[in-house]
């Protein structure tokens, strides 16, 4: 039997990306990049003619966070896209399990 009503009921709804998913994924990517950038700055000396002294050491983590955030705004490294895709896949699986 080829009943269109039965076919519609068998189709699982497609889960779409939401702004909340994207924001969460971008925050995760920013945090990840910040952690990856920190070791690059650990060996830098803060004294000398162009060093910022104690203040530079104090504010360095804010600079690193800002660099990571700007990198994500400029397109990032693709981690946010992967995280969003995984969120959609997980929600789709959950929706399929609930519809069974």
PDB file of N, CA and C in Angstrom:
ATOM      1  N   UNK A   1       0.838  -1.156   0.000  1.00  0.00           N
ATOM      2  CA  UNK A   1       0.000   0.000   0.000  1.00  0.00           C
ATOM      3  C   UNK A   1       0.898   1.239   0.000  1.00  0.00           C
ATOM      4  N   UNK A   2       0.528   2.219  -0.809  1.00  0.00           N
ATOM      5  CA  UNK A   2       1.349   3.403  -0.987  1.00  0.00           C
ATOM      6  C   UNK A   2       0.611   4.629  -0.455  1.00  0.00           C
ATOM      7  N   UNK A   3       0.308   4.627   0.818  1.00  0.00           N
ATOM      8  CA  UNK A   3      -0.455   5.707   1.454  1.00  0.00           C
ATOM      9  C   UNK A   3       0.489   6.850   1.840  1.00  0.00           C
ATOM     10  N   UNK A   4       0.296   8.079   1.264  1.00  0.00           N
ATOM     11  CA  UNK A   4       1.201   9.178   1.582  1.00  0.00           C
ATOM     12  C   UNK A   4       1.166   9.590   3.057  1.00  0.00           C
ATOM     13  N   UNK A   5       0.053   9.380   3.738  1.00  0.00           N
ATOM     14  CA  UNK A   5      -0.029   9.749   5.151  1.00  0.00           C
ATOM     15  C   UNK A   5       0.910   8.877   5.976  1.00  0.00           C
ATOM     16  N   UNK A   6       0.966   7.587   5.650  1.00  0.00           N
ATOM     17  CA  UNK A   6       1.857   6.696   6.367  1.00  0.00           C
ATOM     18  C   UNK A   6       3.319   7.039   6.084  1.00  0.00           C
ATOM     19  N   UNK A   7       3.627   7.437   4.863  1.00  0.00           N
ATOM     20  CA  UNK A   7       5.000   7.786   4.518  1.00  0.00           C
ATOM     21  C   UNK A   7       5.454   9.038   5.264  1.00  0.00           C
ATOM     22  N   UNK A   8       4.586  10.017   5.392  1.00  0.00           N
ATOM     23  CA  UNK A   8       4.948  11.247   6.100  1.00  0.00           C
ATOM     24  C   UNK A   8       5.255  10.943   7.556  1.00  0.00           C
ATOM     25  N   UNK A   9       4.479  10.052   8.175  1.00  0.00           N
ATOM     26  CA  UNK A   9       4.705   9.702   9.566  1.00  0.00           C
ATOM     27  C   UNK A   9       6.032   8.988   9.781  1.00  0.00           C
ATOM     28  N   UNK A  10       6.565   8.328   8.751  1.00  0.00           N
ATOM     29  CA  UNK A  10       7.803   7.581   8.876  1.00  0.00           C
ATOM     30  C   UNK A  10       9.044   8.463   8.739  1.00  0.00           C
ATOM     31  N   UNK A  11       8.871   9.674   8.238  1.00  0.00           N
ATOM     32  CA  UNK A  11      10.009  10.566   8.034  1.00  0.00           C
ATOM     33  C   UNK A  11      10.376  11.225   9.354  1.00  0.00           C
ATOM     34  N   UNK A  12      11.650  11.162   9.697  1.00  0.00           N
ATOM     35  CA  UNK A  12      12.097  11.824  10.922  1.00  0.00           C
ATOM     36  C   UNK A  12      12.443  13.273  10.593  1.00  0.00           C
ATOM     37  N   UNK A  13      12.102  14.196  11.473  1.00  0.00           N
ATOM     38  CA  UNK A  13      12.378  15.601  11.188  1.00  0.00           C
ATOM     39  C   UNK A  13      13.879  15.880  11.187  1.00  0.00           C
ATOM     40  N   UNK A  14      14.291  16.783  10.314  1.00  0.00           N
ATOM     41  CA  UNK A  14      15.701  17.166  10.230  1.00  0.00           C
ATOM     42  C   UNK A  14      15.972  18.207  11.306  1.00  0.00           C
ATOM     43  N   UNK A  15      17.037  17.991  12.071  1.00  0.00           N
ATOM     44  CA  UNK A  15      17.450  18.931  13.112  1.00  0.00           C
ATOM     45  C   UNK A  15      18.324  19.993  12.446  1.00  0.00           C
ATOM     46  N   UNK A  16      17.989  21.255  12.658  1.00  0.00           N
ATOM     47  CA  UNK A  16      18.741  22.353  12.057  1.00  0.00           C
ATOM     48  C   UNK A  16      19.615  23.029  13.105  1.00  0.00           C
ATOM     49  N   UNK A  17      20.660  23.660  12.629  1.00  0.00           N
ATOM     50  CA  UNK A  17      21.548  24.418  13.505  1.00  0.00           C
ATOM     51  C   UNK A  17      20.784  25.612  14.080  1.00  0.00           C
ATOM     52  N   UNK A  18      20.968  25.847  15.354  1.00  0.00           N
ATOM     53  CA  UNK A  18      20.351  26.999  16.002  1.00  0.00           C
ATOM     54  C   UNK A  18      21.435  28.010  16.376  1.00  0.00           C
ATOM     55  N   UNK A  19      21.053  29.263  16.581  1.00  0.00           N
ATOM     56  CA  UNK A  19      22.049  30.252  17.012  1.00  0.00           C
ATOM     57  C   UNK A  19      22.723  29.863  18.332  1.00  0.00           C
ATOM     58  N   UNK A  20      21.994  29.205  19.227  1.00  0.00           N
ATOM     59  CA  UNK A  20      22.576  28.773  20.496  1.00  0.00           C
ATOM     60  C   UNK A  20      23.647  27.711  20.273  1.00  0.00           C
ATOM     61  N   UNK A  21      23.397  26.797  19.337  1.00  0.00           N
ATOM     62  CA  UNK A  21      24.405  25.775  19.018  1.00  0.00           C
ATOM     63  C   UNK A  21      25.680  26.430  18.501  1.00  0.00           C
ATOM     64  N   UNK A  22      25.507  27.365  17.568  1.00  0.00           N
ATOM     65  CA  UNK A  22      26.667  28.035  16.972  1.00  0.00           C
ATOM     66  C   UNK A  22      27.445  28.810  18.042  1.00  0.00           C
ATOM     67  N   UNK A  23      26.735  29.536  18.903  1.00  0.00           N
ATOM     68  CA  UNK A  23      27.402  30.317  19.950  1.00  0.00           C
ATOM     69  C   UNK A  23      28.176  29.415  20.914  1.00  0.00           C
ATOM     70  N   UNK A  24      27.569  28.306  21.302  1.00  0.00           N
ATOM     71  CA  UNK A  24      28.231  27.364  22.206  1.00  0.00           C
ATOM     72  C   UNK A  24      29.475  26.766  21.544  1.00  0.00           C
ATOM     73  N   UNK A  25      29.346  26.385  20.290  1.00  0.00           N
ATOM     74  CA  UNK A  25      30.471  25.797  19.563  1.00  0.00           C
ATOM     75  C   UNK A  25      31.606  26.810  19.405  1.00  0.00           C
ATOM     76  N   UNK A  26      31.258  28.069  19.146  1.00  0.00           N
ATOM     77  CA  UNK A  26      32.299  29.092  19.002  1.00  0.00           C
ATOM     78  C   UNK A  26      32.967  29.406  20.338  1.00  0.00           C
ATOM     79  N   UNK A  27      32.211  29.380  21.430  1.00  0.00           N
ATOM     80  CA  UNK A  27      32.823  29.568  22.749  1.00  0.00           C
ATOM     81  C   UNK A  27      33.791  28.421  23.051  1.00  0.00           C
ATOM     82  N   UNK A  28      33.406  27.206  22.685  1.00  0.00           N
ATOM     83  CA  UNK A  28      34.284  26.052  22.882  1.00  0.00           C
ATOM     84  C   UNK A  28      35.565  26.204  22.062  1.00  0.00           C
ATOM     85  N   UNK A  29      35.425  26.605  20.794  1.00  0.00           N
ATOM     86  CA  UNK A  29      36.598  26.778  19.946  1.00  0.00           C
ATOM     87  C   UNK A  29      37.499  27.891  20.485  1.00  0.00           C
ATOM     88  N   UNK A  30      36.908  28.975  20.984  1.00  0.00           N
ATOM     89  CA  UNK A  30      37.692  30.057  21.575  1.00  0.00           C
ATOM     90  C   UNK A  30      38.481  29.559  22.777  1.00  0.00           C
ATOM     91  N   UNK A  31      37.826  28.793  23.635  1.00  0.00           N
ATOM     92  CA  UNK A  31      38.491  28.242  24.813  1.00  0.00           C
ATOM     93  C   UNK A  31      39.631  27.304  24.402  1.00  0.00           C
ATOM     94  N   UNK A  32      39.376  26.473  23.419  1.00  0.00           N
ATOM     95  CA  UNK A  32      40.386  25.538  22.928  1.00  0.00           C
ATOM     96  C   UNK A  32      41.596  26.291  22.380  1.00  0.00           C
ATOM     97  N   UNK A  33      41.343  27.291  21.530  1.00  0.00           N
ATOM     98  CA  UNK A  33      42.442  28.055  20.953  1.00  0.00           C
ATOM     99  C   UNK A  33      43.237  28.801  22.024  1.00  0.00           C
ATOM    100  N   UNK A  34      42.543  29.330  23.007  1.00  0.00           N
ATOM    101  CA  UNK A  34      43.208  30.033  24.100  1.00  0.00           C
ATOM    102  C   UNK A  34      44.172  29.097  24.818  1.00  0.00           C
ATOM    103  N   UNK A  35      43.721  27.881  25.081  1.00  0.00           N
ATOM    104  CA  UNK A  35      44.585  26.899  25.756  1.00  0.00           C
ATOM    105  C   UNK A  35      45.770  26.501  24.877  1.00  0.00           C
ATOM    106  N   UNK A  36      45.566  26.457  23.567  1.00  0.00           N
ATOM    107  CA  UNK A  36      46.647  26.103  22.656  1.00  0.00           C
ATOM    108  C   UNK A  36      47.654  27.246  22.500  1.00  0.00           C
ATOM    109  N   UNK A  37      47.208  28.487  22.638  1.00  0.00           N
ATOM    110  CA  UNK A  37      48.101  29.642  22.485  1.00  0.00           C
ATOM    111  C   UNK A  37      48.939  29.917  23.740  1.00  0.00           C
ATOM    112  N   UNK A  38      48.446  29.534  24.899  1.00  0.00           N
ATOM    113  CA  UNK A  38      49.145  29.844  26.153  1.00  0.00           C
ATOM    114  C   UNK A  38      50.602  29.382  26.170  1.00  0.00           C
ATOM    115  N   UNK A  39      50.924  28.169  25.757  1.00  0.00           N
ATOM    116  CA  UNK A  39      52.332  27.743  25.800  1.00  0.00           C
ATOM    117  C   UNK A  39      53.253  28.592  24.917  1.00  0.00           C
ATOM    118  N   UNK A  40      52.713  29.222  23.887  1.00  0.00           N
ATOM    119  CA  UNK A  40      53.536  30.058  23.017  1.00  0.00           C
ATOM    120  C   UNK A  40      54.077  31.284  23.753  1.00  0.00           C
ATOM    121  N   UNK A  41      53.356  31.732  24.770  1.00  0.00           N
ATOM    122  CA  UNK A  41      53.722  32.955  25.470  1.00  0.00           C
ATOM    123  C   UNK A  41      54.402  32.705  26.816  1.00  0.00           C
ATOM    124  N   UNK A  42      54.448  31.468  27.266  1.00  0.00           N
ATOM    125  CA  UNK A  42      55.012  31.169  28.580  1.00  0.00           C
ATOM    126  C   UNK A  42      56.496  31.490  28.683  1.00  0.00           C
ATOM    127  N   UNK A  43      57.244  31.323  27.631  1.00  0.00           N
ATOM    128  CA  UNK A  43      58.678  31.544  27.686  1.00  0.00           C
ATOM    129  C   UNK A  43      59.112  32.976  27.417  1.00  0.00           C
ATOM    130  N   UNK A  44      58.162  33.839  27.109  1.00  0.00           N
ATOM    131  CA  UNK A  44      58.524  35.223  26.794  1.00  0.00           C
ATOM    132  C   UNK A  44      58.881  35.995  28.054  1.00  0.00           C
ATOM    133  N   UNK A  45      59.940  36.767  27.948  1.00  0.00           N
ATOM    134  CA  UNK A  45      60.407  37.577  29.067  1.00  0.00           C
ATOM    135  C   UNK A  45      59.667  38.920  29.054  1.00  0.00           C
ATOM    136  N   UNK A  46      59.244  39.387  30.207  1.00  0.00           N
ATOM    137  CA  UNK A  46      58.471  40.629  30.275  1.00  0.00           C
ATOM    138  C   UNK A  46      59.310  41.840  30.637  1.00  0.00           C
ATOM    139  N   UNK A  47      60.618  41.657  30.858  1.00  0.00           N
ATOM    140  CA  UNK A  47      61.450  42.827  31.152  1.00  0.00           C
ATOM    141  C   UNK A  47      62.286  43.175  29.927  1.00  0.00           C
ATOM    142  N   UNK A  48      63.064  44.197  30.009  1.00  0.00           N
ATOM    143  CA  UNK A  48      63.855  44.658  28.877  1.00  0.00           C
ATOM    144  C   UNK A  48      63.281  45.953  28.325  1.00  0.00           C
ATOM    145  N   UNK A  49      63.894  46.482  27.275  1.00  0.00           N
ATOM    146  CA  UNK A  49      63.469  47.788  26.769  1.00  0.00           C
ATOM    147  C   UNK A  49      62.041  47.802  26.211  1.00  0.00           C
ATOM    148  N   UNK A  50      61.549  46.682  25.681  1.00  0.00           N
ATOM    149  CA  UNK A  50      60.203  46.662  25.114  1.00  0.00           C
ATOM    150  C   UNK A  50      59.247  45.773  25.907  1.00  0.00           C
ATOM    151  N   UNK A  51      59.655  45.345  27.058  1.00  0.00           N
ATOM    152  CA  UNK A  51      58.812  44.491  27.889  1.00  0.00           C
ATOM    153  C   UNK A  51      57.828  45.312  28.697  1.00  0.00           C
ATOM    154  N   UNK A  52      56.758  44.706  29.075  1.00  0.00           N
ATOM    155  CA  UNK A  52      55.726  45.393  29.834  1.00  0.00           C
ATOM    156  C   UNK A  52      55.857  45.188  31.325  1.00  0.00           C
ATOM    157  N   UNK A  53      56.882  44.470  31.732  1.00  0.00           N
ATOM    158  CA  UNK A  53      57.087  44.249  33.152  1.00  0.00           C
ATOM    159  C   UNK A  53      56.000  43.390  33.770  1.00  0.00           C
ATOM    160  N   UNK A  54      55.714  43.673  35.025  1.00  0.00           N
ATOM    161  CA  UNK A  54      54.723  42.901  35.783  1.00  0.00           C
ATOM    162  C   UNK A  54      53.320  43.019  35.182  1.00  0.00           C
ATOM    163  N   UNK A  55      52.993  44.195  34.652  1.00  0.00           N
ATOM    164  CA  UNK A  55      51.665  44.397  34.059  1.00  0.00           C
ATOM    165  C   UNK A  55      51.456  43.496  32.850  1.00  0.00           C
ATOM    166  N   UNK A  56      52.479  43.324  32.064  1.00  0.00           N
ATOM    167  CA  UNK A  56      52.353  42.443  30.896  1.00  0.00           C
ATOM    168  C   UNK A  56      52.033  41.022  31.325  1.00  0.00           C
ATOM    169  N   UNK A  57      52.724  40.561  32.337  1.00  0.00           N
ATOM    170  CA  UNK A  57      52.448  39.219  32.850  1.00  0.00           C
ATOM    171  C   UNK A  57      51.043  39.094  33.402  1.00  0.00           C
ATOM    172  N   UNK A  58      50.564  40.167  34.031  1.00  0.00           N
ATOM    173  CA  UNK A  58      49.220  40.157  34.615  1.00  0.00           C
ATOM    174  C   UNK A  58      48.146  40.105  33.538  1.00  0.00           C
ATOM    175  N   UNK A  59      48.317  40.860  32.465  1.00  0.00           N
ATOM    176  CA  UNK A  59      47.283  40.995  31.440  1.00  0.00           C
ATOM    177  C   UNK A  59      47.461  40.047  30.256  1.00  0.00           C
ATOM    178  N   UNK A  60      48.510  39.257  30.259  1.00  0.00           N
ATOM    179  CA  UNK A  60      48.791  38.385  29.122  1.00  0.00           C
ATOM    180  C   UNK A  60      47.638  37.419  28.832  1.00  0.00           C
ATOM    181  N   UNK A  61      47.020  36.865  29.857  1.00  0.00           N
ATOM    182  CA  UNK A  61      45.923  35.908  29.625  1.00  0.00           C
ATOM    183  C   UNK A  61      44.753  36.578  28.896  1.00  0.00           C
ATOM    184  N   UNK A  62      44.520  37.861  29.177  1.00  0.00           N
ATOM    185  CA  UNK A  62      43.451  38.581  28.478  1.00  0.00           C
ATOM    186  C   UNK A  62      43.807  38.772  27.001  1.00  0.00           C
ATOM    187  N   UNK A  63      45.074  39.045  26.727  1.00  0.00           N
ATOM    188  CA  UNK A  63      45.536  39.180  25.352  1.00  0.00           C
ATOM    189  C   UNK A  63      45.364  37.860  24.598  1.00  0.00           C
ATOM    190  N   UNK A  64      45.734  36.779  25.231  1.00  0.00           N
ATOM    191  CA  UNK A  64      45.606  35.463  24.599  1.00  0.00           C
ATOM    192  C   UNK A  64      44.145  35.142  24.322  1.00  0.00           C
ATOM    193  N   UNK A  65      43.272  35.409  25.282  1.00  0.00           N
ATOM    194  CA  UNK A  65      41.838  35.172  25.079  1.00  0.00           C
ATOM    195  C   UNK A  65      41.298  36.018  23.936  1.00  0.00           C
ATOM    196  N   UNK A  66      41.728  37.286  23.852  1.00  0.00           N
ATOM    197  CA  UNK A  66      41.273  38.170  22.776  1.00  0.00           C
ATOM    198  C   UNK A  66      41.772  37.675  21.417  1.00  0.00           C
ATOM    199  N   UNK A  67      42.999  37.174  21.375  1.00  0.00           N
ATOM    200  CA  UNK A  67      43.527  36.629  20.121  1.00  0.00           C
ATOM    201  C   UNK A  67      42.735  35.404  19.684  1.00  0.00           C
ATOM    202  N   UNK A  68      42.397  34.551  20.631  1.00  0.00           N
ATOM    203  CA  UNK A  68      41.614  33.352  20.313  1.00  0.00           C
ATOM    204  C   UNK A  68      40.215  33.743  19.829  1.00  0.00           C
ATOM    205  N   UNK A  69      39.602  34.702  20.499  1.00  0.00           N
ATOM    206  CA  UNK A  69      38.259  35.146  20.107  1.00  0.00           C
ATOM    207  C   UNK A  69      38.278  35.763  18.706  1.00  0.00           C
ATOM    208  N   UNK A  70      39.279  36.565  18.418  1.00  0.00           N
ATOM    209  CA  UNK A  70      39.380  37.183  17.091  1.00  0.00           C
ATOM    210  C   UNK A  70      39.625  36.129  16.014  1.00  0.00           C
ATOM    211  N   UNK A  71      40.391  35.119  16.334  1.00  0.00           N
ATOM    212  CA  UNK A  71      40.638  34.034  15.385  1.00  0.00           C
ATOM    213  C   UNK A  71      39.334  33.322  15.040  1.00  0.00           C
ATOM    214  N   UNK A  72      38.502  33.074  16.048  1.00  0.00           N
ATOM    215  CA  UNK A  72      37.219  32.414  15.804  1.00  0.00           C
ATOM    216  C   UNK A  72      36.312  33.319  14.973  1.00  0.00           C
ATOM    217  N   UNK A  73      36.288  34.622  15.282  1.00  0.00           N
ATOM    218  CA  UNK A  73      35.465  35.559  14.506  1.00  0.00           C
ATOM    219  C   UNK A  73      35.895  35.612  13.045  1.00  0.00           C
ATOM    220  N   UNK A  74      37.183  35.418  12.806  1.00  0.00           N
ATOM    221  CA  UNK A  74      37.708  35.464  11.440  1.00  0.00           C
ATOM    222  C   UNK A  74      37.524  34.145  10.695  1.00  0.00           C
ATOM    223  N   UNK A  75      36.907  33.167  11.319  1.00  0.00           N
ATOM    224  CA  UNK A  75      36.659  31.886  10.665  1.00  0.00           C
ATOM    225  C   UNK A  75      37.185  30.698  11.434  1.00  0.00           C
ATOM    226  N   UNK A  76      38.066  30.948  12.372  1.00  0.00           N
ATOM    227  CA  UNK A  76      38.551  29.883  13.238  1.00  0.00           C
ATOM    228  C   UNK A  76      39.328  28.814  12.503  1.00  0.00           C
ATOM    229  N   UNK A  77      39.402  27.670  13.137  1.00  0.00           N
ATOM    230  CA  UNK A  77      40.138  26.533  12.576  1.00  0.00           C
ATOM    231  C   UNK A  77      39.197  25.404  12.165  1.00  0.00           C
ATOM    232  N   UNK A  78      37.894  25.670  12.227  1.00  0.00           N
ATOM    233  CA  UNK A  78      36.913  24.669  11.818  1.00  0.00           C
ATOM    234  C   UNK A  78      36.387  23.803  12.949  1.00  0.00           C
ATOM    235  N   UNK A  79      36.862  24.033  14.143  1.00  0.00           N
ATOM    236  CA  UNK A  79      36.419  23.217  15.274  1.00  0.00           C
ATOM    237  C   UNK A  79      34.951  23.474  15.598  1.00  0.00           C
ATOM    238  N   UNK A  80      34.513  24.721  15.514  1.00  0.00           N
ATOM    239  CA  UNK A  80      33.109  25.042  15.814  1.00  0.00           C
ATOM    240  C   UNK A  80      32.166  24.319  14.852  1.00  0.00           C
ATOM    241  N   UNK A  81      32.540  24.246  13.586  1.00  0.00           N
ATOM    242  CA  UNK A  81      31.710  23.537  12.606  1.00  0.00           C
ATOM    243  C   UNK A  81      31.575  22.064  12.964  1.00  0.00           C
ATOM    244  N   UNK A  82      32.667  21.472  13.394  1.00  0.00           N
ATOM    245  CA  UNK A  82      32.649  20.061  13.782  1.00  0.00           C
ATOM    246  C   UNK A  82      31.788  19.853  15.023  1.00  0.00           C
ATOM    247  N   UNK A  83      31.889  20.769  15.978  1.00  0.00           N
ATOM    248  CA  UNK A  83      31.091  20.662  17.209  1.00  0.00           C
ATOM    249  C   UNK A  83      29.606  20.804  16.894  1.00  0.00           C
ATOM    250  N   UNK A  84      29.241  21.756  16.032  1.00  0.00           N
ATOM    251  CA  UNK A  84      27.835  21.930  15.650  1.00  0.00           C
ATOM    252  C   UNK A  84      27.322  20.679  14.944  1.00  0.00           C
ATOM    253  N   UNK A  85      28.105  20.134  14.036  1.00  0.00           N
ATOM    254  CA  UNK A  85      27.694  18.915  13.326  1.00  0.00           C
ATOM    255  C   UNK A  85      27.464  17.767  14.302  1.00  0.00           C
ATOM    256  N   UNK A  86      28.314  17.667  15.306  1.00  0.00           N
ATOM    257  CA  UNK A  86      28.156  16.612  16.311  1.00  0.00           C
ATOM    258  C   UNK A  86      26.908  16.847  17.162  1.00  0.00           C
ATOM    259  N   UNK A  87      26.629  18.097  17.508  1.00  0.00           N
ATOM    260  CA  UNK A  87      25.407  18.412  18.272  1.00  0.00           C
ATOM    261  C   UNK A  87      24.166  18.022  17.482  1.00  0.00           C
ATOM    262  N   UNK A  88      24.168  18.342  16.192  1.00  0.00           N
ATOM    263  CA  UNK A  88      23.028  17.997  15.338  1.00  0.00           C
ATOM    264  C   UNK A  88      22.878  16.486  15.243  1.00  0.00           C
ATOM    265  N   UNK A  89      23.996  15.777  15.068  1.00  0.00           N
ATOM    266  CA  UNK A  89      23.937  14.312  14.975  1.00  0.00           C
ATOM    267  C   UNK A  89      23.375  13.703  16.254  1.00  0.00           C
ATOM    268  N   UNK A  90      23.840  14.226  17.408  1.00  0.00           N
ATOM    269  CA  UNK A  90      23.374  13.686  18.683  1.00  0.00           C
ATOM    270  C   UNK A  90      21.884  13.969  18.886  1.00  0.00           C
ATOM    271  N   UNK A  91      21.438  15.161  18.523  1.00  0.00           N
ATOM    272  CA  UNK A  91      20.012  15.474  18.658  1.00  0.00           C
ATOM    273  C   UNK A  91      19.169  14.633  17.707  1.00  0.00           C
ATOM    274  N   UNK A  92      19.688  14.399  16.515  1.00  0.00           N
ATOM    275  CA  UNK A  92      18.969  13.577  15.551  1.00  0.00           C
ATOM    276  C   UNK A  92      18.811  12.147  16.067  1.00  0.00           C
ATOM    277  N   UNK A  93      19.887  11.604  16.643  1.00  0.00           N
ATOM    278  CA  UNK A  93      19.809  10.259  17.218  1.00  0.00           C
ATOM    279  C   UNK A  93      18.810  10.207  18.365  1.00  0.00           C
ATOM    280  N   UNK A  94      18.821  11.233  19.197  1.00  0.00           N
ATOM    281  CA  UNK A  94      17.898  11.272  20.327  1.00  0.00           C
ATOM    282  C   UNK A  94      16.446  11.362  19.838  1.00  0.00           C
ATOM    283  N   UNK A  95      16.220  12.148  18.818  1.00  0.00           N
ATOM    284  CA  UNK A  95      14.871  12.294  18.252  1.00  0.00           C
ATOM    285  C   UNK A  95      14.411  10.963  17.657  1.00  0.00           C
ATOM    286  N   UNK A  96      15.315  10.265  16.990  1.00  0.00           N
ATOM    287  CA  UNK A  96      14.963   8.971  16.416  1.00  0.00           C
ATOM    288  C   UNK A  96      14.641   7.953  17.485  1.00  0.00           C
ATOM    289  N   UNK A  97      15.388   7.964  18.587  1.00  0.00           N
ATOM    290  CA  UNK A  97      15.118   7.032  19.689  1.00  0.00           C
ATOM    291  C   UNK A  97      13.773   7.332  20.337  1.00  0.00           C
ATOM    292  N   UNK A  98      13.439   8.596  20.477  1.00  0.00           N
ATOM    293  CA  UNK A  98      12.163   8.963  21.100  1.00  0.00           C
ATOM    294  C   UNK A  98      10.972   8.638  20.212  1.00  0.00           C
ATOM    295  N   UNK A  99      11.178   8.648  18.876  1.00  0.00           N
ATOM    296  CA  UNK A  99      10.082   8.363  17.975  1.00  0.00           C
ATOM    297  C   UNK A  99       9.833   6.873  17.795  1.00  0.00           C
ATOM    298  N   UNK A 100      10.703   6.047  18.347  1.00  0.00           N
ATOM    299  CA  UNK A 100      10.525   4.587  18.213  1.00  0.00           C
ATOM    300  C   UNK A 100       9.504   4.069  19.165  1.00  0.00           C
TER     301      UNK A 100
END
